[in-house]
């Protein structure tokens, strides 16, 4: 009985396994990265949408409740944003603070004047000649 030489069989199996690993590894890594990238894009889109909503609510509160104190304005914005988004209190507060910061930087001195009543001036019509 002649002993069987297993070396060519083992080498063929190792070559097959390494070919499969080299071929499938990049595909699996790419699929993994694409799945996580899509999830991150979805989370960022949601965060941007929430911030846009907060910016709108803060602008409305600043415009509509000019006579309120800052804490009353914050409370009004907090209640409106909480009713809209139903987020934890800390996240809602952070959205409002970011919105106020953005509005203050963007509008400058005009931010404080938002909502003030401007006196209506009656135009002076020159007499007919």
N, C-alpha and C. Protein backbone atom coordinates (compact mmCIF):
# COMPACT_ATOMS: atom_id res chain seq x y z
N UNK A 1 0.83 -1.15 0.00
CA UNK A 1 0.00 0.00 0.00
C UNK A 1 0.90 1.25 0.00
N UNK A 2 0.55 2.14 -0.91
CA UNK A 2 1.33 3.36 -1.09
C UNK A 2 0.71 4.46 -0.23
N UNK A 3 1.53 5.16 0.53
CA UNK A 3 0.97 6.25 1.33
C UNK A 3 0.49 7.39 0.43
N UNK A 4 -0.63 8.01 0.83
CA UNK A 4 -1.23 9.10 0.04
C UNK A 4 -0.52 10.41 0.43
N UNK A 5 -0.16 11.14 -0.59
CA UNK A 5 0.47 12.44 -0.36
C UNK A 5 -0.64 13.50 -0.26
N UNK A 6 -0.86 14.02 0.94
CA UNK A 6 -1.93 14.98 1.19
C UNK A 6 -1.50 16.43 0.93
N UNK A 7 -0.25 16.65 0.66
CA UNK A 7 0.22 18.02 0.45
C UNK A 7 -0.49 18.74 -0.70
N UNK A 8 -0.65 18.16 -1.88
CA UNK A 8 -1.36 18.88 -2.94
C UNK A 8 -2.82 19.18 -2.58
N UNK A 9 -3.47 18.28 -1.85
CA UNK A 9 -4.86 18.50 -1.45
C UNK A 9 -4.93 19.65 -0.44
N UNK A 10 -4.05 19.64 0.53
CA UNK A 10 -4.02 20.71 1.54
C UNK A 10 -3.71 22.05 0.87
N UNK A 11 -2.76 22.06 -0.05
CA UNK A 11 -2.43 23.30 -0.75
C UNK A 11 -3.60 23.82 -1.58
N UNK A 12 -4.35 22.93 -2.20
CA UNK A 12 -5.53 23.33 -2.98
C UNK A 12 -6.60 23.92 -2.08
N UNK A 13 -6.81 23.28 -0.90
CA UNK A 13 -7.83 23.79 0.04
C UNK A 13 -7.41 25.16 0.58
N UNK A 14 -6.14 25.32 0.93
CA UNK A 14 -5.65 26.61 1.43
C UNK A 14 -5.78 27.67 0.34
N UNK A 15 -5.46 27.34 -0.90
CA UNK A 15 -5.59 28.29 -2.00
C UNK A 15 -7.04 28.69 -2.21
N UNK A 16 -7.95 27.72 -2.12
CA UNK A 16 -9.38 28.02 -2.27
C UNK A 16 -9.88 28.93 -1.16
N UNK A 17 -9.50 28.60 0.07
CA UNK A 17 -9.94 29.43 1.22
C UNK A 17 -9.36 30.84 1.11
N UNK A 18 -8.09 30.96 0.77
CA UNK A 18 -7.51 32.30 0.68
C UNK A 18 -8.11 33.09 -0.48
N UNK A 19 -8.47 32.44 -1.57
CA UNK A 19 -9.12 33.14 -2.67
C UNK A 19 -10.50 33.65 -2.26
N UNK A 20 -11.24 32.82 -1.53
CA UNK A 20 -12.56 33.23 -1.06
C UNK A 20 -12.43 34.39 -0.08
N UNK A 21 -11.46 34.33 0.83
CA UNK A 21 -11.28 35.42 1.81
C UNK A 21 -10.88 36.70 1.10
N UNK A 22 -9.93 36.62 0.18
CA UNK A 22 -9.47 37.82 -0.51
C UNK A 22 -10.59 38.42 -1.37
N UNK A 23 -11.44 37.59 -1.92
CA UNK A 23 -12.52 38.07 -2.78
C UNK A 23 -13.67 38.64 -1.96
N UNK A 24 -14.06 37.97 -0.89
CA UNK A 24 -15.24 38.38 -0.13
C UNK A 24 -14.95 39.43 0.94
N UNK A 25 -13.74 39.51 1.45
CA UNK A 25 -13.44 40.47 2.52
C UNK A 25 -13.74 41.90 2.11
N UNK A 26 -13.27 42.38 0.95
CA UNK A 26 -13.60 43.76 0.58
C UNK A 26 -15.09 43.99 0.39
N UNK A 27 -15.78 43.01 -0.13
CA UNK A 27 -17.23 43.14 -0.33
C UNK A 27 -17.93 43.26 1.02
N UNK A 28 -17.52 42.44 1.98
CA UNK A 28 -18.14 42.47 3.31
C UNK A 28 -17.81 43.78 4.03
N UNK A 29 -16.58 44.24 3.92
CA UNK A 29 -16.19 45.51 4.56
C UNK A 29 -16.95 46.67 3.93
N UNK A 30 -17.07 46.68 2.62
CA UNK A 30 -17.80 47.74 1.93
C UNK A 30 -19.28 47.74 2.33
N UNK A 31 -19.88 46.57 2.40
CA UNK A 31 -21.28 46.48 2.82
C UNK A 31 -21.46 46.97 4.25
N UNK A 32 -20.54 46.62 5.12
CA UNK A 32 -20.60 47.06 6.53
C UNK A 32 -20.49 48.58 6.62
N UNK A 33 -19.52 49.15 5.91
CA UNK A 33 -19.33 50.61 5.95
C UNK A 33 -20.53 51.32 5.35
N UNK A 34 -21.06 50.82 4.24
CA UNK A 34 -22.24 51.45 3.61
C UNK A 34 -23.46 51.41 4.53
N UNK A 35 -23.63 50.31 5.24
CA UNK A 35 -24.77 50.21 6.17
C UNK A 35 -24.65 51.23 7.29
N UNK A 36 -23.46 51.38 7.83
CA UNK A 36 -23.27 52.35 8.92
C UNK A 36 -23.32 53.79 8.40
N UNK A 37 -22.84 54.02 7.21
CA UNK A 37 -22.91 55.36 6.63
C UNK A 37 -24.36 55.77 6.41
N UNK A 38 -25.16 54.85 5.91
CA UNK A 38 -26.58 55.15 5.70
C UNK A 38 -27.27 55.46 7.03
N UNK A 39 -26.93 54.73 8.06
CA UNK A 39 -27.53 54.98 9.38
C UNK A 39 -27.10 56.35 9.91
N UNK A 40 -25.83 56.70 9.74
CA UNK A 40 -25.35 58.00 10.20
C UNK A 40 -25.99 59.14 9.42
N UNK A 41 -26.19 58.95 8.13
CA UNK A 41 -26.86 59.98 7.32
C UNK A 41 -28.30 60.16 7.79
N UNK A 42 -28.96 59.07 8.10
CA UNK A 42 -30.33 59.14 8.59
C UNK A 42 -30.39 59.88 9.93
N UNK A 43 -29.46 59.59 10.83
CA UNK A 43 -29.43 60.25 12.14
C UNK A 43 -29.14 61.74 11.97
N UNK A 44 -28.19 62.08 11.09
CA UNK A 44 -27.87 63.49 10.87
C UNK A 44 -29.05 64.23 10.26
N UNK A 45 -29.75 63.62 9.33
CA UNK A 45 -30.92 64.25 8.73
C UNK A 45 -31.99 64.52 9.78
N UNK A 46 -32.20 63.56 10.66
CA UNK A 46 -33.18 63.74 11.73
C UNK A 46 -32.75 64.87 12.68
N UNK A 47 -31.47 64.89 13.03
CA UNK A 47 -30.96 65.95 13.91
C UNK A 47 -31.10 67.32 13.26
N UNK A 48 -30.78 67.42 11.98
CA UNK A 48 -30.91 68.70 11.27
C UNK A 48 -32.38 69.13 11.21
N UNK A 49 -33.27 68.19 10.98
CA UNK A 49 -34.69 68.49 10.94
C UNK A 49 -35.18 69.00 12.30
N UNK A 50 -34.74 68.33 13.37
CA UNK A 50 -35.12 68.77 14.72
C UNK A 50 -34.61 70.17 15.00
N UNK A 51 -33.38 70.47 14.56
CA UNK A 51 -32.81 71.80 14.79
C UNK A 51 -33.57 72.85 13.99
N UNK A 52 -33.97 72.52 12.78
CA UNK A 52 -34.76 73.46 11.97
C UNK A 52 -36.09 73.78 12.65
N UNK A 53 -36.72 72.76 13.21
CA UNK A 53 -37.99 72.96 13.93
C UNK A 53 -37.75 73.85 15.14
N UNK A 54 -36.67 73.58 15.88
CA UNK A 54 -36.35 74.40 17.06
C UNK A 54 -36.07 75.84 16.66
N UNK A 55 -35.34 76.04 15.57
CA UNK A 55 -35.06 77.40 15.10
C UNK A 55 -36.36 78.16 14.80
N UNK A 56 -37.29 77.49 14.14
CA UNK A 56 -38.56 78.13 13.83
C UNK A 56 -39.37 78.47 15.06
N UNK A 57 -39.41 77.55 16.01
CA UNK A 57 -40.18 77.79 17.24
C UNK A 57 -39.56 78.93 18.04
N UNK A 58 -38.24 78.95 18.14
CA UNK A 58 -37.57 80.02 18.89
C UNK A 58 -37.82 81.38 18.23
N UNK A 59 -37.78 81.43 16.91
CA UNK A 59 -38.05 82.69 16.21
C UNK A 59 -39.49 83.15 16.44
N UNK A 60 -40.42 82.21 16.41
CA UNK A 60 -41.83 82.55 16.65
C UNK A 60 -42.02 83.07 18.07
N UNK A 61 -41.42 82.38 19.05
CA UNK A 61 -41.56 82.81 20.45
C UNK A 61 -40.94 84.18 20.64
N UNK A 62 -39.76 84.40 20.07
CA UNK A 62 -39.11 85.71 20.21
C UNK A 62 -39.97 86.81 19.59
N UNK A 63 -40.63 86.51 18.49
CA UNK A 63 -41.44 87.50 17.81
C UNK A 63 -42.79 87.71 18.51
N UNK A 64 -43.42 86.63 18.95
CA UNK A 64 -44.78 86.73 19.48
C UNK A 64 -44.83 87.12 20.95
N UNK A 65 -43.82 86.76 21.71
CA UNK A 65 -43.86 86.98 23.16
C UNK A 65 -42.79 87.99 23.59
N UNK A 66 -42.74 89.11 22.94
CA UNK A 66 -41.70 90.11 23.19
C UNK A 66 -41.75 90.63 24.62
N UNK A 67 -42.93 90.71 25.21
CA UNK A 67 -43.03 91.27 26.56
C UNK A 67 -42.64 90.27 27.64
N UNK A 68 -42.46 89.01 27.29
CA UNK A 68 -42.08 87.99 28.26
C UNK A 68 -40.61 88.16 28.65
N UNK A 69 -40.27 87.67 29.84
CA UNK A 69 -38.87 87.62 30.24
C UNK A 69 -38.20 86.48 29.48
N UNK A 70 -36.87 86.43 29.54
CA UNK A 70 -36.15 85.37 28.83
C UNK A 70 -36.54 83.99 29.35
N UNK A 71 -36.74 83.86 30.65
CA UNK A 71 -37.12 82.55 31.19
C UNK A 71 -38.53 82.16 30.75
N UNK A 72 -39.42 83.13 30.64
CA UNK A 72 -40.77 82.84 30.15
C UNK A 72 -40.74 82.47 28.67
N UNK A 73 -39.89 83.13 27.90
CA UNK A 73 -39.74 82.78 26.49
C UNK A 73 -39.18 81.37 26.36
N UNK A 74 -38.18 81.06 27.21
CA UNK A 74 -37.60 79.71 27.17
C UNK A 74 -38.67 78.68 27.49
N UNK A 75 -39.47 78.94 28.51
CA UNK A 75 -40.51 77.99 28.90
C UNK A 75 -41.54 77.80 27.78
N UNK A 76 -41.93 78.90 27.15
CA UNK A 76 -42.89 78.81 26.04
C UNK A 76 -42.29 78.01 24.88
N UNK A 77 -41.03 78.29 24.54
CA UNK A 77 -40.37 77.55 23.46
C UNK A 77 -40.22 76.08 23.83
N UNK A 78 -39.89 75.83 25.09
CA UNK A 78 -39.72 74.45 25.57
C UNK A 78 -41.02 73.67 25.44
N UNK A 79 -42.12 74.27 25.86
CA UNK A 79 -43.42 73.60 25.79
C UNK A 79 -43.82 73.32 24.33
N UNK A 80 -43.62 74.31 23.46
CA UNK A 80 -43.99 74.12 22.05
C UNK A 80 -43.12 73.06 21.39
N UNK A 81 -41.81 73.08 21.68
CA UNK A 81 -40.90 72.10 21.07
C UNK A 81 -41.15 70.71 21.63
N UNK A 82 -41.43 70.62 22.92
CA UNK A 82 -41.70 69.32 23.53
C UNK A 82 -42.99 68.73 22.97
N UNK A 83 -43.99 69.56 22.75
CA UNK A 83 -45.24 69.07 22.17
C UNK A 83 -45.03 68.58 20.74
N UNK A 84 -44.07 69.17 20.05
CA UNK A 84 -43.82 68.80 18.66
C UNK A 84 -42.92 67.57 18.51
N UNK A 85 -41.84 67.51 19.30
CA UNK A 85 -40.83 66.48 19.09
C UNK A 85 -40.83 65.35 20.13
N UNK A 86 -41.31 65.61 21.33
CA UNK A 86 -41.34 64.61 22.41
C UNK A 86 -39.95 64.03 22.69
N UNK A 87 -38.96 64.88 22.83
CA UNK A 87 -37.60 64.46 23.14
C UNK A 87 -37.36 64.56 24.64
N UNK A 88 -36.28 63.94 25.15
CA UNK A 88 -35.93 64.14 26.56
C UNK A 88 -35.65 65.61 26.84
N UNK A 89 -35.87 66.02 28.07
CA UNK A 89 -35.76 67.44 28.44
C UNK A 89 -34.39 68.03 28.11
N UNK A 90 -33.34 67.28 28.34
CA UNK A 90 -32.00 67.78 28.06
C UNK A 90 -31.77 68.06 26.59
N UNK A 91 -32.28 67.19 25.74
CA UNK A 91 -32.12 67.39 24.30
C UNK A 91 -32.95 68.58 23.82
N UNK A 92 -34.16 68.71 24.37
CA UNK A 92 -35.01 69.84 24.00
C UNK A 92 -34.34 71.15 24.41
N UNK A 93 -33.79 71.18 25.62
CA UNK A 93 -33.10 72.39 26.09
C UNK A 93 -31.90 72.71 25.20
N UNK A 94 -31.15 71.70 24.81
CA UNK A 94 -29.99 71.91 23.95
C UNK A 94 -30.41 72.46 22.59
N UNK A 95 -31.49 71.95 22.03
CA UNK A 95 -31.98 72.46 20.75
C UNK A 95 -32.36 73.93 20.84
N UNK A 96 -33.01 74.30 21.94
CA UNK A 96 -33.42 75.70 22.13
C UNK A 96 -32.19 76.59 22.28
N UNK A 97 -31.22 76.14 23.08
CA UNK A 97 -30.01 76.94 23.29
C UNK A 97 -29.24 77.12 21.98
N UNK A 98 -29.15 76.07 21.18
CA UNK A 98 -28.48 76.18 19.89
C UNK A 98 -29.23 77.13 18.96
N UNK A 99 -30.56 77.05 18.99
CA UNK A 99 -31.36 77.93 18.14
C UNK A 99 -31.17 79.39 18.53
N UNK A 100 -31.18 79.67 19.82
CA UNK A 100 -30.99 81.05 20.29
C UNK A 100 -29.60 81.53 19.90
N UNK A 101 -28.62 80.67 20.05
CA UNK A 101 -27.25 81.04 19.69
C UNK A 101 -27.13 81.36 18.21
N UNK A 102 -27.70 80.51 17.36
CA UNK A 102 -27.65 80.73 15.91
C UNK A 102 -28.39 82.01 15.54
N UNK A 103 -29.57 82.21 16.12
CA UNK A 103 -30.36 83.40 15.79
C UNK A 103 -29.65 84.67 16.24
N UNK A 104 -29.04 84.63 17.43
CA UNK A 104 -28.34 85.80 17.93
C UNK A 104 -27.15 86.14 17.05
N UNK A 105 -26.39 85.12 16.66
CA UNK A 105 -25.24 85.36 15.79
C UNK A 105 -25.66 85.82 14.40
N UNK A 106 -26.73 85.25 13.90
CA UNK A 106 -27.18 85.57 12.55
C UNK A 106 -27.80 86.96 12.48
N UNK A 107 -28.66 87.27 13.43
CA UNK A 107 -29.44 88.50 13.37
C UNK A 107 -28.78 89.67 14.09
N UNK A 108 -27.87 89.40 14.99
CA UNK A 108 -27.20 90.47 15.72
C UNK A 108 -28.18 91.30 16.54
N UNK A 109 -28.09 92.62 16.42
CA UNK A 109 -28.95 93.53 17.19
C UNK A 109 -30.41 93.42 16.77
N UNK A 110 -30.66 93.01 15.55
CA UNK A 110 -32.04 92.89 15.07
C UNK A 110 -32.80 91.80 15.83
N UNK A 111 -32.06 90.83 16.43
CA UNK A 111 -32.71 89.75 17.18
C UNK A 111 -33.47 90.31 18.37
N UNK A 112 -32.88 91.26 19.08
CA UNK A 112 -33.54 91.85 20.25
C UNK A 112 -34.75 92.69 19.83
N UNK A 113 -34.71 93.26 18.66
CA UNK A 113 -35.80 94.12 18.21
C UNK A 113 -36.95 93.34 17.59
N UNK A 114 -36.73 92.05 17.36
CA UNK A 114 -37.77 91.23 16.74
C UNK A 114 -39.01 91.23 17.62
N UNK A 115 -40.14 91.51 17.04
CA UNK A 115 -41.39 91.50 17.77
C UNK A 115 -41.79 92.83 18.35
N UNK A 116 -40.90 93.82 18.30
CA UNK A 116 -41.27 95.14 18.80
C UNK A 116 -42.30 95.76 17.86
N UNK A 117 -43.19 96.49 18.45
CA UNK A 117 -44.18 97.16 17.61
C UNK A 117 -43.56 98.43 17.06
N UNK A 118 -43.68 98.62 15.82
CA UNK A 118 -43.16 99.84 15.21
C UNK A 118 -44.31 100.83 15.09
N UNK A 119 -44.06 102.06 15.48
CA UNK A 119 -45.15 103.04 15.39
C UNK A 119 -45.54 103.26 13.93
N UNK A 120 -46.81 103.32 13.73
CA UNK A 120 -47.31 103.56 12.38
C UNK A 120 -47.32 105.06 12.14
N UNK A 121 -46.56 105.46 11.17
CA UNK A 121 -46.50 106.88 10.85
C UNK A 121 -47.49 107.16 9.73
N UNK A 122 -48.20 108.22 9.89
CA UNK A 122 -49.14 108.62 8.85
C UNK A 122 -48.35 109.40 7.80
N UNK A 123 -48.39 108.93 6.58
CA UNK A 123 -47.61 109.65 5.56
C UNK A 123 -48.18 111.06 5.33
N UNK A 124 -47.27 111.96 5.15
CA UNK A 124 -47.65 113.36 4.91
C UNK A 124 -47.81 113.53 3.41
N UNK A 125 -49.03 113.92 3.02
CA UNK A 125 -49.31 114.13 1.59
C UNK A 125 -49.19 115.61 1.32
N UNK A 126 -48.35 115.97 0.35
CA UNK A 126 -48.23 117.40 0.05
C UNK A 126 -49.54 117.94 -0.53
N UNK A 127 -49.82 119.18 -0.22
CA UNK A 127 -51.08 119.76 -0.73
C UNK A 127 -51.07 119.84 -2.26
N UNK A 128 -52.23 119.71 -2.83
CA UNK A 128 -52.35 119.78 -4.28
C UNK A 128 -52.13 121.19 -4.74
N UNK A 129 -51.49 121.35 -5.85
CA UNK A 129 -51.19 122.69 -6.37
C UNK A 129 -52.15 123.05 -7.45
